[in-house]
Amino acid sequence: GSTDLYPLFGICCSDGSIQLPAPPPP
């Protein structure tokens, strides 16, 4: 499912399992 056209990543959010709240607006 991870292709050059539609790449998937794991090092940022562990494939969606880590969800941080949005930062407050500046």
mmCIF file of all heavy atoms, coordinates in Angstrom:
data_MODEL
# 
_entry.id   MODEL 
# 
loop_
_atom_site.group_PDB 
_atom_site.id 
_atom_site.type_symbol 
_atom_site.label_atom_id 
_atom_site.label_alt_id 
_atom_site.label_comp_id 
_atom_site.label_asym_id 
_atom_site.label_entity_id 
_atom_site.label_seq_id 
_atom_site.pdbx_PDB_ins_code 
_atom_site.Cartn_x 
_atom_site.Cartn_y 
_atom_site.Cartn_z 
_atom_site.occupancy 
_atom_site.B_iso_or_equiv 
_atom_site.pdbx_formal_charge 
_atom_site.auth_seq_id 
_atom_site.auth_comp_id 
_atom_site.auth_asym_id 
_atom_site.auth_atom_id 
_atom_site.pdbx_PDB_model_num 
ATOM 1   N N   . GLY A 1 1  ? 0.795  -1.217 0.000  1.00 0.00 ? 1  GLY A N   1 
ATOM 2   C CA  . GLY A 1 1  ? 0.000  0.000  0.000  1.00 0.00 ? 1  GLY A CA  1 
ATOM 3   C C   . GLY A 1 1  ? 0.828  1.267  0.000  1.00 0.00 ? 1  GLY A C   1 
ATOM 4   O O   . GLY A 1 1  ? 0.305  2.351  -0.235 1.00 0.00 ? 1  GLY A O   1 
ATOM 5   N N   . SER A 1 2  ? 2.119  1.180  0.297  1.00 0.00 ? 2  SER A N   1 
ATOM 6   C CA  . SER A 1 2  ? 2.997  2.345  0.300  1.00 0.00 ? 2  SER A CA  1 
ATOM 7   C C   . SER A 1 2  ? 3.773  2.379  -1.010 1.00 0.00 ? 2  SER A C   1 
ATOM 8   O O   . SER A 1 2  ? 4.622  1.532  -1.256 1.00 0.00 ? 2  SER A O   1 
ATOM 9   C CB  . SER A 1 2  ? 3.973  2.272  1.488  1.00 0.00 ? 2  SER A CB  1 
ATOM 10  O OG  . SER A 1 2  ? 4.776  3.428  1.526  1.00 0.00 ? 2  SER A OG  1 
ATOM 11  N N   . THR A 1 3  ? 3.436  3.341  -1.853 1.00 0.00 ? 3  THR A N   1 
ATOM 12  C CA  . THR A 1 3  ? 4.074  3.443  -3.166 1.00 0.00 ? 3  THR A CA  1 
ATOM 13  C C   . THR A 1 3  ? 4.729  4.805  -3.320 1.00 0.00 ? 3  THR A C   1 
ATOM 14  O O   . THR A 1 3  ? 4.546  5.692  -2.486 1.00 0.00 ? 3  THR A O   1 
ATOM 15  C CB  . THR A 1 3  ? 3.016  3.272  -4.277 1.00 0.00 ? 3  THR A CB  1 
ATOM 16  O OG1 . THR A 1 3  ? 2.107  4.384  -4.209 1.00 0.00 ? 3  THR A OG1 1 
ATOM 17  C CG2 . THR A 1 3  ? 2.243  1.969  -4.115 1.00 0.00 ? 3  THR A CG2 1 
ATOM 18  N N   . ASP A 1 4  ? 5.469  4.981  -4.406 1.00 0.00 ? 4  ASP A N   1 
ATOM 19  C CA  . ASP A 1 4  ? 6.071  6.279  -4.680 1.00 0.00 ? 4  ASP A CA  1 
ATOM 20  C C   . ASP A 1 4  ? 5.006  7.352  -4.863 1.00 0.00 ? 4  ASP A C   1 
ATOM 21  O O   . ASP A 1 4  ? 5.193  8.503  -4.467 1.00 0.00 ? 4  ASP A O   1 
ATOM 22  C CB  . ASP A 1 4  ? 6.956  6.218  -5.930 1.00 0.00 ? 4  ASP A CB  1 
ATOM 23  C CG  . ASP A 1 4  ? 8.276  5.520  -5.673 1.00 0.00 ? 4  ASP A CG  1 
ATOM 24  O OD1 . ASP A 1 4  ? 8.526  5.133  -4.502 1.00 0.00 ? 4  ASP A OD1 1 
ATOM 25  O OD2 . ASP A 1 4  ? 9.056  5.367  -6.621 1.00 0.00 ? 4  ASP A OD2 1 
ATOM 26  N N   . LEU A 1 5  ? 3.887  6.971  -5.478 1.00 0.00 ? 5  LEU A N   1 
ATOM 27  C CA  . LEU A 1 5  ? 2.796  7.939  -5.690 1.00 0.00 ? 5  LEU A CA  1 
ATOM 28  C C   . LEU A 1 5  ? 2.004  8.212  -4.416 1.00 0.00 ? 5  LEU A C   1 
ATOM 29  O O   . LEU A 1 5  ? 1.568  9.329  -4.176 1.00 0.00 ? 5  LEU A O   1 
ATOM 30  C CB  . LEU A 1 5  ? 1.844  7.434  -6.773 1.00 0.00 ? 5  LEU A CB  1 
ATOM 31  C CG  . LEU A 1 5  ? 2.159  7.917  -8.174 1.00 0.00 ? 5  LEU A CG  1 
ATOM 32  C CD1 . LEU A 1 5  ? 1.333  7.161  -9.197 1.00 0.00 ? 5  LEU A CD1 1 
ATOM 33  C CD2 . LEU A 1 5  ? 1.929  9.403  -8.302 1.00 0.00 ? 5  LEU A CD2 1 
ATOM 34  N N   . TYR A 1 6  ? 1.776  7.172  -3.605 1.00 0.00 ? 6  TYR A N   1 
ATOM 35  C CA  . TYR A 1 6  ? 1.018  7.305  -2.361 1.00 0.00 ? 6  TYR A CA  1 
ATOM 36  C C   . TYR A 1 6  ? 1.828  6.704  -1.215 1.00 0.00 ? 6  TYR A C   1 
ATOM 37  O O   . TYR A 1 6  ? 1.521  5.612  -0.732 1.00 0.00 ? 6  TYR A O   1 
ATOM 38  C CB  . TYR A 1 6  ? -0.344 6.611  -2.491 1.00 0.00 ? 6  TYR A CB  1 
ATOM 39  C CG  . TYR A 1 6  ? -1.177 7.179  -3.594 1.00 0.00 ? 6  TYR A CG  1 
ATOM 40  C CD1 . TYR A 1 6  ? -1.320 6.517  -4.808 1.00 0.00 ? 6  TYR A CD1 1 
ATOM 41  C CD2 . TYR A 1 6  ? -1.804 8.416  -3.442 1.00 0.00 ? 6  TYR A CD2 1 
ATOM 42  C CE1 . TYR A 1 6  ? -2.065 7.057  -5.835 1.00 0.00 ? 6  TYR A CE1 1 
ATOM 43  C CE2 . TYR A 1 6  ? -2.553 8.967  -4.474 1.00 0.00 ? 6  TYR A CE2 1 
ATOM 44  C CZ  . TYR A 1 6  ? -2.680 8.284  -5.660 1.00 0.00 ? 6  TYR A CZ  1 
ATOM 45  O OH  . TYR A 1 6  ? -3.421 8.823  -6.684 1.00 0.00 ? 6  TYR A OH  1 
ATOM 46  N N   . PRO A 1 7  ? 2.866  7.443  -0.759 1.00 0.00 ? 7  PRO A N   1 
ATOM 47  C CA  . PRO A 1 7  ? 3.731  6.884  0.283  1.00 0.00 ? 7  PRO A CA  1 
ATOM 48  C C   . PRO A 1 7  ? 3.060  6.928  1.661  1.00 0.00 ? 7  PRO A C   1 
ATOM 49  O O   . PRO A 1 7  ? 2.275  7.819  1.969  1.00 0.00 ? 7  PRO A O   1 
ATOM 50  C CB  . PRO A 1 7  ? 4.949  7.803  0.243  1.00 0.00 ? 7  PRO A CB  1 
ATOM 51  C CG  . PRO A 1 7  ? 4.430  9.092  -0.276 1.00 0.00 ? 7  PRO A CG  1 
ATOM 52  C CD  . PRO A 1 7  ? 3.319  8.751  -1.226 1.00 0.00 ? 7  PRO A CD  1 
ATOM 53  N N   . LEU A 1 8  ? 3.390  5.931  2.484  1.00 0.00 ? 8  LEU A N   1 
ATOM 54  C CA  . LEU A 1 8  ? 2.959  5.877  3.872  1.00 0.00 ? 8  LEU A CA  1 
ATOM 55  C C   . LEU A 1 8  ? 4.197  6.007  4.756  1.00 0.00 ? 8  LEU A C   1 
ATOM 56  O O   . LEU A 1 8  ? 5.286  5.565  4.370  1.00 0.00 ? 8  LEU A O   1 
ATOM 57  C CB  . LEU A 1 8  ? 2.242  4.559  4.165  1.00 0.00 ? 8  LEU A CB  1 
ATOM 58  C CG  . LEU A 1 8  ? 0.979  4.278  3.341  1.00 0.00 ? 8  LEU A CG  1 
ATOM 59  C CD1 . LEU A 1 8  ? 0.437  2.884  3.645  1.00 0.00 ? 8  LEU A CD1 1 
ATOM 60  C CD2 . LEU A 1 8  ? -0.078 5.335  3.606  1.00 0.00 ? 8  LEU A CD2 1 
ATOM 61  N N   . PHE A 1 9  ? 4.021  6.605  5.911  1.00 0.00 ? 9  PHE A N   1 
ATOM 62  C CA  . PHE A 1 9  ? 5.152  6.863  6.803  1.00 0.00 ? 9  PHE A CA  1 
ATOM 63  C C   . PHE A 1 9  ? 4.835  6.361  8.200  1.00 0.00 ? 9  PHE A C   1 
ATOM 64  O O   . PHE A 1 9  ? 3.677  6.350  8.619  1.00 0.00 ? 9  PHE A O   1 
ATOM 65  C CB  . PHE A 1 9  ? 5.469  8.359  6.844  1.00 0.00 ? 9  PHE A CB  1 
ATOM 66  C CG  . PHE A 1 9  ? 5.784  8.922  5.490  1.00 0.00 ? 9  PHE A CG  1 
ATOM 67  C CD1 . PHE A 1 9  ? 4.798  9.543  4.730  1.00 0.00 ? 9  PHE A CD1 1 
ATOM 68  C CD2 . PHE A 1 9  ? 7.054  8.806  4.958  1.00 0.00 ? 9  PHE A CD2 1 
ATOM 69  C CE1 . PHE A 1 9  ? 5.086  10.051 3.473  1.00 0.00 ? 9  PHE A CE1 1 
ATOM 70  C CE2 . PHE A 1 9  ? 7.353  9.303  3.704  1.00 0.00 ? 9  PHE A CE2 1 
ATOM 71  C CZ  . PHE A 1 9  ? 6.360  9.927  2.956  1.00 0.00 ? 9  PHE A CZ  1 
ATOM 72  N N   . GLY A 1 10 ? 5.847  5.979  8.930  1.00 0.00 ? 10 GLY A N   1 
ATOM 73  C CA  . GLY A 1 10 ? 5.636  5.458  10.270 1.00 0.00 ? 10 GLY A CA  1 
ATOM 74  C C   . GLY A 1 10 ? 6.407  6.186  11.353 1.00 0.00 ? 10 GLY A C   1 
ATOM 75  O O   . GLY A 1 10 ? 6.074  6.084  12.522 1.00 0.00 ? 10 GLY A O   1 
ATOM 76  N N   . ILE A 1 11 ? 7.456  6.932  10.986 1.00 0.00 ? 11 ILE A N   1 
ATOM 77  C CA  . ILE A 1 11 ? 8.308  7.531  12.012 1.00 0.00 ? 11 ILE A CA  1 
ATOM 78  C C   . ILE A 1 11 ? 7.708  8.774  12.648 1.00 0.00 ? 11 ILE A C   1 
ATOM 79  O O   . ILE A 1 11 ? 8.155  9.208  13.693 1.00 0.00 ? 11 ILE A O   1 
ATOM 80  C CB  . ILE A 1 11 ? 9.713  7.848  11.464 1.00 0.00 ? 11 ILE A CB  1 
ATOM 81  C CG1 . ILE A 1 11 ? 9.653  8.849  10.324 1.00 0.00 ? 11 ILE A CG1 1 
ATOM 82  C CG2 . ILE A 1 11 ? 10.429 6.593  11.061 1.00 0.00 ? 11 ILE A CG2 1 
ATOM 83  C CD1 . ILE A 1 11 ? 11.021 9.314  9.850  1.00 0.00 ? 11 ILE A CD1 1 
ATOM 84  N N   . CYS A 1 12 ? 6.698  9.345  12.055 1.00 0.00 ? 12 CYS A N   1 
ATOM 85  C CA  . CYS A 1 12 ? 6.116  10.571 12.606 1.00 0.00 ? 12 CYS A CA  1 
ATOM 86  C C   . CYS A 1 12 ? 5.017  10.273 13.612 1.00 0.00 ? 12 CYS A C   1 
ATOM 87  O O   . CYS A 1 12 ? 5.026  10.780 14.731 1.00 0.00 ? 12 CYS A O   1 
ATOM 88  C CB  . CYS A 1 12 ? 5.598  11.467 11.493 1.00 0.00 ? 12 CYS A CB  1 
ATOM 89  S SG  . CYS A 1 12 ? 4.564  10.595 10.295 1.00 0.00 ? 12 CYS A SG  1 
ATOM 90  N N   . CYS A 1 13 ? 4.063  9.471  13.235 1.00 0.00 ? 13 CYS A N   1 
ATOM 91  C CA  . CYS A 1 13 ? 2.882  9.231  14.081 1.00 0.00 ? 13 CYS A CA  1 
ATOM 92  C C   . CYS A 1 13 ? 2.611  7.752  14.282 1.00 0.00 ? 13 CYS A C   1 
ATOM 93  O O   . CYS A 1 13 ? 1.524  7.388  14.741 1.00 0.00 ? 13 CYS A O   1 
ATOM 94  C CB  . CYS A 1 13 ? 1.667  9.920  13.488 1.00 0.00 ? 13 CYS A CB  1 
ATOM 95  S SG  . CYS A 1 13 ? 1.189  9.268  11.871 1.00 0.00 ? 13 CYS A SG  1 
ATOM 96  N N   . SER A 1 14 ? 3.573  6.909  13.917 1.00 0.00 ? 14 SER A N   1 
ATOM 97  C CA  . SER A 1 14 ? 3.420  5.460  14.045 1.00 0.00 ? 14 SER A CA  1 
ATOM 98  C C   . SER A 1 14 ? 2.149  4.987  13.347 1.00 0.00 ? 14 SER A C   1 
ATOM 99  O O   . SER A 1 14 ? 1.309  4.318  13.932 1.00 0.00 ? 14 SER A O   1 
ATOM 100 C CB  . SER A 1 14 ? 3.439  5.062  15.520 1.00 0.00 ? 14 SER A CB  1 
ATOM 101 O OG  . SER A 1 14 ? 3.634  3.687  15.671 1.00 0.00 ? 14 SER A OG  1 
ATOM 102 N N   . ASP A 1 15 ? 2.043  5.422  12.095 1.00 0.00 ? 15 ASP A N   1 
ATOM 103 C CA  . ASP A 1 15 ? 0.918  5.046  11.227 1.00 0.00 ? 15 ASP A CA  1 
ATOM 104 C C   . ASP A 1 15 ? -0.440 5.445  11.820 1.00 0.00 ? 15 ASP A C   1 
ATOM 105 O O   . ASP A 1 15 ? -1.407 4.723  11.747 1.00 0.00 ? 15 ASP A O   1 
ATOM 106 C CB  . ASP A 1 15 ? 0.951  3.547  10.921 1.00 0.00 ? 15 ASP A CB  1 
ATOM 107 C CG  . ASP A 1 15 ? 0.112  3.207  9.691  1.00 0.00 ? 15 ASP A CG  1 
ATOM 108 O OD1 . ASP A 1 15 ? -0.024 4.059  8.796  1.00 0.00 ? 15 ASP A OD1 1 
ATOM 109 O OD2 . ASP A 1 15 ? -0.409 2.073  9.635  1.00 0.00 ? 15 ASP A OD2 1 
ATOM 110 N N   . GLY A 1 16 ? -0.469 6.636  12.436 1.00 0.00 ? 16 GLY A N   1 
ATOM 111 C CA  . GLY A 1 16 ? -1.716 7.181  12.952 1.00 0.00 ? 16 GLY A CA  1 
ATOM 112 C C   . GLY A 1 16 ? -2.035 6.798  14.379 1.00 0.00 ? 16 GLY A C   1 
ATOM 113 O O   . GLY A 1 16 ? -3.030 7.262  14.937 1.00 0.00 ? 16 GLY A O   1 
ATOM 114 N N   . SER A 1 17 ? -1.212 5.973  15.025 1.00 0.00 ? 17 SER A N   1 
ATOM 115 C CA  . SER A 1 17 ? -1.523 5.555  16.398 1.00 0.00 ? 17 SER A CA  1 
ATOM 116 C C   . SER A 1 17 ? -1.179 6.631  17.425 1.00 0.00 ? 17 SER A C   1 
ATOM 117 O O   . SER A 1 17 ? -1.647 6.574  18.558 1.00 0.00 ? 17 SER A O   1 
ATOM 118 C CB  . SER A 1 17 ? -0.816 4.248  16.742 1.00 0.00 ? 17 SER A CB  1 
ATOM 119 O OG  . SER A 1 17 ? 0.583  4.419  16.714 1.00 0.00 ? 17 SER A OG  1 
ATOM 120 N N   . ILE A 1 18 ? -0.362 7.604  17.063 1.00 0.00 ? 18 ILE A N   1 
ATOM 121 C CA  . ILE A 1 18 ? -0.035 8.719  17.953 1.00 0.00 ? 18 ILE A CA  1 
ATOM 122 C C   . ILE A 1 18 ? -0.718 9.964  17.403 1.00 0.00 ? 18 ILE A C   1 
ATOM 123 O O   . ILE A 1 18 ? -0.471 10.378 16.275 1.00 0.00 ? 18 ILE A O   1 
ATOM 124 C CB  . ILE A 1 18 ? 1.482  8.946  18.035 1.00 0.00 ? 18 ILE A CB  1 
ATOM 125 C CG1 . ILE A 1 18 ? 2.174  7.714  18.592 1.00 0.00 ? 18 ILE A CG1 1 
ATOM 126 C CG2 . ILE A 1 18 ? 1.791  10.183 18.865 1.00 0.00 ? 18 ILE A CG2 1 
ATOM 127 C CD1 . ILE A 1 18 ? 3.676  7.768  18.525 1.00 0.00 ? 18 ILE A CD1 1 
ATOM 128 N N   . GLN A 1 19 ? -1.574 10.558 18.201 1.00 0.00 ? 19 GLN A N   1 
ATOM 129 C CA  . GLN A 1 19 ? -2.291 11.752 17.777 1.00 0.00 ? 19 GLN A CA  1 
ATOM 130 C C   . GLN A 1 19 ? -2.088 12.847 18.813 1.00 0.00 ? 19 GLN A C   1 
ATOM 131 O O   . GLN A 1 19 ? -2.518 12.708 19.961 1.00 0.00 ? 19 GLN A O   1 
ATOM 132 C CB  . GLN A 1 19 ? -3.774 11.461 17.592 1.00 0.00 ? 19 GLN A CB  1 
ATOM 133 C CG  . GLN A 1 19 ? -4.027 10.471 16.477 1.00 0.00 ? 19 GLN A CG  1 
ATOM 134 C CD  . GLN A 1 19 ? -5.502 10.194 16.272 1.00 0.00 ? 19 GLN A CD  1 
ATOM 135 O OE1 . GLN A 1 19 ? -6.343 10.635 17.022 1.00 0.00 ? 19 GLN A OE1 1 
ATOM 136 N NE2 . GLN A 1 19 ? -5.808 9.452  15.229 1.00 0.00 ? 19 GLN A NE2 1 
ATOM 137 N N   . LEU A 1 20 ? -1.433 13.906 18.398 1.00 0.00 ? 20 LEU A N   1 
ATOM 138 C CA  . LEU A 1 20 ? -1.203 15.044 19.282 1.00 0.00 ? 20 LEU A CA  1 
ATOM 139 C C   . LEU A 1 20 ? -2.297 16.074 19.072 1.00 0.00 ? 20 LEU A C   1 
ATOM 140 O O   . LEU A 1 20 ? -2.782 16.250 17.951 1.00 0.00 ? 20 LEU A O   1 
ATOM 141 C CB  . LEU A 1 20 ? 0.157  15.675 18.986 1.00 0.00 ? 20 LEU A CB  1 
ATOM 142 C CG  . LEU A 1 20 ? 1.377  14.775 19.165 1.00 0.00 ? 20 LEU A CG  1 
ATOM 143 C CD1 . LEU A 1 20 ? 2.636  15.498 18.731 1.00 0.00 ? 20 LEU A CD1 1 
ATOM 144 C CD2 . LEU A 1 20 ? 1.495  14.325 20.607 1.00 0.00 ? 20 LEU A CD2 1 
ATOM 145 N N   . PRO A 1 21 ? -2.670 16.791 20.132 1.00 0.00 ? 21 PRO A N   1 
ATOM 146 C CA  . PRO A 1 21 ? -3.661 17.847 19.940 1.00 0.00 ? 21 PRO A CA  1 
ATOM 147 C C   . PRO A 1 21 ? -3.060 18.969 19.098 1.00 0.00 ? 21 PRO A C   1 
ATOM 148 O O   . PRO A 1 21 ? -1.847 19.194 19.115 1.00 0.00 ? 21 PRO A O   1 
ATOM 149 C CB  . PRO A 1 21 ? -3.960 18.318 21.364 1.00 0.00 ? 21 PRO A CB  1 
ATOM 150 C CG  . PRO A 1 21 ? -2.772 17.904 22.175 1.00 0.00 ? 21 PRO A CG  1 
ATOM 151 C CD  . PRO A 1 21 ? -2.222 16.682 21.518 1.00 0.00 ? 21 PRO A CD  1 
ATOM 152 N N   . ALA A 1 22 ? -3.904 19.643 18.376 1.00 0.00 ? 22 ALA A N   1 
ATOM 153 C CA  . ALA A 1 22 ? -3.435 20.780 17.569 1.00 0.00 ? 22 ALA A CA  1 
ATOM 154 C C   . ALA A 1 22 ? -2.902 21.864 18.495 1.00 0.00 ? 22 ALA A C   1 
ATOM 155 O O   . ALA A 1 22 ? -3.466 22.083 19.577 1.00 0.00 ? 22 ALA A O   1 
ATOM 156 C CB  . ALA A 1 22 ? -4.581 21.329 16.732 1.00 0.00 ? 22 ALA A CB  1 
ATOM 157 N N   . PRO A 1 23 ? -1.811 22.513 18.119 1.00 0.00 ? 23 PRO A N   1 
ATOM 158 C CA  . PRO A 1 23 ? -1.297 23.587 18.976 1.00 0.00 ? 23 PRO A CA  1 
ATOM 159 C C   . PRO A 1 23 ? -2.282 24.750 18.983 1.00 0.00 ? 23 PRO A C   1 
ATOM 160 O O   . PRO A 1 23 ? -3.059 24.923 18.035 1.00 0.00 ? 23 PRO A O   1 
ATOM 161 C CB  . PRO A 1 23 ? 0.025  23.981 18.300 1.00 0.00 ? 23 PRO A CB  1 
ATOM 162 C CG  . PRO A 1 23 ? -0.108 23.522 16.894 1.00 0.00 ? 23 PRO A CG  1 
ATOM 163 C CD  . PRO A 1 23 ? -1.023 22.339 16.903 1.00 0.00 ? 23 PRO A CD  1 
ATOM 164 N N   . PRO A 1 24 ? -2.256 25.546 20.043 1.00 0.00 ? 24 PRO A N   1 
ATOM 165 C CA  . PRO A 1 24 ? -3.155 26.701 20.063 1.00 0.00 ? 24 PRO A CA  1 
ATOM 166 C C   . PRO A 1 24 ? -2.755 27.682 18.962 1.00 0.00 ? 24 PRO A C   1 
ATOM 167 O O   . PRO A 1 24 ? -1.590 27.709 18.537 1.00 0.00 ? 24 PRO A O   1 
ATOM 168 C CB  . PRO A 1 24 ? -2.937 27.308 21.453 1.00 0.00 ? 24 PRO A CB  1 
ATOM 169 C CG  . PRO A 1 24 ? -1.602 26.819 21.884 1.00 0.00 ? 24 PRO A CG  1 
ATOM 170 C CD  . PRO A 1 24 ? -1.395 25.483 21.225 1.00 0.00 ? 24 PRO A CD  1 
ATOM 171 N N   . PRO A 1 25 ? -3.696 28.462 18.492 1.00 0.00 ? 25 PRO A N   1 
ATOM 172 C CA  . PRO A 1 25 ? -3.340 29.418 17.441 1.00 0.00 ? 25 PRO A CA  1 
ATOM 173 C C   . PRO A 1 25 ? -2.361 30.455 17.986 1.00 0.00 ? 25 PRO A C   1 
ATOM 174 O O   . PRO A 1 25 ? -2.412 30.804 19.168 1.00 0.00 ? 25 PRO A O   1 
ATOM 175 C CB  . PRO A 1 25 ? -4.682 30.064 17.075 1.00 0.00 ? 25 PRO A CB  1 
ATOM 176 C CG  . PRO A 1 25 ? -5.568 29.825 18.251 1.00 0.00 ? 25 PRO A CG  1 
ATOM 177 C CD  . PRO A 1 25 ? -5.093 28.559 18.896 1.00 0.00 ? 25 PRO A CD  1 
ATOM 178 N N   . PRO A 1 26 ? -1.457 30.933 17.139 1.00 0.00 ? 26 PRO A N   1 
ATOM 179 C CA  . PRO A 1 26 ? -0.502 31.947 17.603 1.00 0.00 ? 26 PRO A CA  1 
ATOM 180 C C   . PRO A 1 26 ? -1.220 33.278 17.832 1.00 0.00 ? 26 PRO A C   1 
ATOM 181 O O   . PRO A 1 26 ? -2.311 33.499 17.298 1.00 0.00 ? 26 PRO A O   1 
ATOM 182 C CB  . PRO A 1 26 ? 0.496  32.048 16.443 1.00 0.00 ? 26 PRO A CB  1 
ATOM 183 C CG  . PRO A 1 26 ? -0.267 31.607 15.251 1.00 0.00 ? 26 PRO A CG  1 
ATOM 184 C CD  . PRO A 1 26 ? -1.261 30.591 15.735 1.00 0.00 ? 26 PRO A CD  1 
# 
